[in-house]
Protein backbone atom coordinates (compact mmCIF):
# COMPACT_ATOMS: atom_id res chain seq x y z
CA MET A 1 0.47 -0.12 0.55
CA ILE A 2 1.11 3.79 -0.46
CA HIS A 3 0.11 6.45 1.98
CA LEU A 4 0.00 9.36 0.13
CA ILE A 5 0.24 12.43 3.00
CA VAL A 6 -1.53 15.58 1.72
CA GLY A 7 -1.47 18.93 3.62
CA ASN A 8 0.09 21.99 3.54
CA THR A 9 2.96 23.61 4.83
CA GLY A 10 2.57 23.32 8.55
CA SER A 11 0.16 20.44 8.68
CA GLY A 12 1.74 18.09 10.11
CA LYS A 13 2.49 16.00 8.00
CA THR A 14 5.84 14.29 9.43
CA THR A 15 4.53 13.16 12.64
CA TYR A 16 1.54 12.11 10.67
CA CYS A 17 3.90 9.81 9.90
CA ASN A 18 5.51 9.48 11.95
CA GLN A 19 2.96 7.29 13.98
CA LEU A 20 1.10 6.00 10.43
CA LYS A 21 4.39 4.09 10.43
CA CYS A 22 3.91 3.13 14.35
CA GLN A 23 0.20 1.66 13.25
CA ASN A 24 1.58 -0.50 10.22
CA LYS A 25 5.05 -0.71 9.98
CA GLY A 26 5.84 1.68 6.82
CA ILE A 27 8.91 2.62 5.56
CA ILE A 28 8.67 6.87 5.63
CA PHE A 29 10.04 9.24 2.19
CA SER A 30 10.31 11.92 3.72
CA ILE A 31 11.20 14.85 0.16
CA ASP A 32 12.61 16.94 3.48
CA THR A 33 15.71 15.19 4.33
CA TRP A 34 16.05 14.29 1.42
CA ASN A 35 16.41 17.70 -0.03
CA LYS A 36 18.32 18.64 2.78
CA THR A 37 21.00 15.30 3.08
CA LEU A 38 21.38 15.50 -0.34
CA PHE A 39 21.10 18.66 -1.99
CA LEU A 40 20.59 21.72 0.74
CA SER A 41 24.54 22.16 1.09
CA ASP A 42 24.47 22.24 -3.36
CA LYS A 43 22.78 25.02 -3.60
CA LYS A 44 23.95 28.12 -4.19
CA GLU A 45 21.55 31.74 -3.67
CA THR A 46 20.98 31.70 -7.37
CA ASP A 47 19.84 28.53 -7.57
CA GLY A 48 15.72 28.85 -6.71
CA LEU A 49 12.70 26.85 -7.76
CA GLU A 50 12.90 24.76 -10.71
CA TRP A 51 16.59 23.64 -9.25
CA PHE A 52 15.20 21.79 -6.53
CA LEU A 53 11.87 20.58 -8.38
CA GLU A 54 14.37 18.74 -10.37
CA ARG A 55 16.87 17.06 -8.33
CA ILE A 56 12.83 16.35 -6.46
CA ASP A 57 12.67 14.60 -9.90
CA ARG A 58 15.39 12.47 -9.55
CA ALA A 59 15.06 11.51 -5.96
CA GLU A 60 11.38 10.11 -6.17
CA GLU A 61 12.40 8.23 -9.29
CA MET A 62 14.44 6.66 -6.55
CA ILE A 63 11.57 6.45 -4.37
CA LYS A 64 9.80 4.39 -7.23
CA ASN A 65 11.99 2.38 -7.31
CA LEU A 66 11.94 1.50 -3.48
CA ILE A 67 8.63 1.42 -3.03
CA LEU A 68 8.06 -1.42 -5.41
CA GLN A 69 11.16 -3.01 -3.60
CA LEU A 70 9.26 -2.92 -0.47
CA GLU A 71 5.26 -3.60 -2.25
CA ASN A 72 7.08 -7.22 -3.28
CA ALA A 73 8.04 -8.02 0.59
CA GLY A 74 5.23 -6.49 1.84
CA THR A 75 5.75 -3.37 3.45
CA ASP A 76 4.05 0.56 3.39
CA SER A 77 5.82 3.25 1.35
CA ILE A 78 5.13 6.26 3.47
CA LEU A 79 4.87 9.23 1.14
CA ASP A 80 5.77 12.76 2.44
CA LEU A 81 6.72 13.74 -0.27
CA GLY A 82 5.09 18.23 -0.17
CA LEU A 83 2.15 16.24 -3.06
CA SER A 84 0.98 20.22 -2.96
CA LYS A 85 -0.47 19.72 -6.88
CA PHE A 86 -3.24 18.24 -8.14
CA SER A 87 -1.01 17.18 -10.54
CA HIS A 88 2.30 15.68 -8.12
CA ARG A 89 -0.58 13.28 -7.01
CA GLU A 90 -1.53 11.76 -10.09
CA LYS A 91 2.05 11.11 -11.08
CA PHE A 92 1.51 9.13 -7.71
CA ARG A 93 -1.71 7.52 -8.48
CA LYS A 94 -0.50 6.72 -12.59
CA PHE A 95 2.49 4.33 -10.63
CA ALA A 96 0.57 3.01 -8.58
CA SER A 97 -2.20 1.77 -11.32
CA ASP A 98 0.63 0.80 -13.30
CA ASN A 99 2.54 -1.17 -11.22
CA LYS A 100 -1.46 -2.35 -9.83
CA LEU A 101 -0.25 -1.15 -6.38
CA GLU A 102 -3.03 -0.32 -3.32
CA ILE A 103 -3.29 3.76 -2.55
CA GLN A 104 -4.77 5.88 0.36
CA LEU A 105 -4.57 9.42 0.50
CA HIS A 106 -4.85 11.31 3.48
CA TYR A 107 -5.60 15.08 4.31
CA LEU A 108 -4.69 17.10 6.88
CA ASN A 109 -6.50 20.62 6.67
CA LEU A 110 -5.37 22.20 9.15
CA SER A 111 -6.27 26.58 9.38
CA LYS A 112 -3.47 28.10 8.06
CA GLU A 113 -3.38 30.03 11.15
CA GLU A 114 -3.02 27.21 13.15
CA ARG A 115 0.32 26.18 10.84
CA TRP A 116 1.84 29.13 11.36
CA GLN A 117 2.19 28.71 15.00
CA ARG A 118 3.28 25.27 14.54
CA ILE A 119 6.51 26.96 11.48
CA LEU A 120 7.39 29.10 14.74
CA LYS A 121 7.33 26.27 17.68
CA ARG A 122 9.07 24.04 15.47
CA ASN A 123 10.91 26.78 14.28
CA ALA A 124 12.47 26.95 17.95
CA GLU A 125 12.33 24.14 19.04
CA LYS A 126 13.93 22.01 15.72
CA GLY A 127 12.54 19.10 17.51
CA ILE A 128 12.12 15.42 15.88
CA THR A 129 10.45 16.97 12.36
CA TYR A 130 12.58 19.67 11.79
CA GLU A 131 15.21 19.79 9.03
CA PHE A 132 14.97 23.69 8.47
CA ASP A 133 14.01 26.39 9.12
CA VAL A 134 10.26 27.87 7.52
CA THR A 135 10.16 31.74 6.90
CA LEU A 136 7.07 33.94 6.85
CA GLU A 137 8.16 34.29 3.20
CA ASP A 138 8.22 30.18 2.20
CA PHE A 139 5.19 29.85 3.57
CA ASN A 140 2.83 32.34 2.04
CA PHE A 141 4.78 30.75 -1.12
CA MET A 142 3.35 27.47 -0.59
CA GLU A 143 -0.16 28.83 1.29
CA ASN A 144 -0.19 29.81 -2.65
CA TRP A 145 1.45 26.55 -4.56
CA PHE A 146 -1.09 24.64 -2.53
CA GLU A 147 -3.23 22.85 -4.72
CA GLN A 148 -5.81 22.03 -2.39
CA PRO A 149 -7.94 18.24 -2.71
CA THR A 150 -10.53 18.11 -5.45
CA ASP A 151 -13.87 16.80 -4.26
CA LEU A 152 -12.98 12.58 -6.08
CA GLU A 153 -9.96 12.26 -4.39
CA LEU A 154 -10.96 13.50 -1.24
CA ASN A 155 -14.28 10.14 -1.76
CA GLU A 156 -12.26 8.05 -0.25
CA ALA A 157 -9.86 9.63 1.30
CA ILE A 158 -8.69 9.56 5.73
CA ILE A 159 -8.50 13.72 6.75
CA ILE A 160 -7.66 14.48 9.16
CA SER A 161 -8.94 18.66 10.82
């Protein structure tokens, strides 16, 4: 089973993934961790969104290969990949369909105010889910970047409010 974890910045996706992992012994793929480990130290000031998106695409190709291996071993994959755009979510739905894999969308739907307060707390405490500071500018960018799941996507989703 592939679990698609969807929610805007600060909605608690990584915390939710850790809870889900405890319930089903799945493996978490967190794009923030991959980005921090593989790419962030190479980023230049002039590198923008396209620089990150290219690297995310490459990382996700590796992740898809690992998902297939986990499926063969009977282990769930928990995708904490942002999944902010419909097309991004659709890419993984198609991958699941093409490979005859089960898929479950989990949507974390919290208010903007609550999410911003969580981010401020995470930035200050630098706890277990902290990878890097999220600035107000980053937060506001993601507010406009994020595409709410459609009614069809939410039809069989697990919704957390």
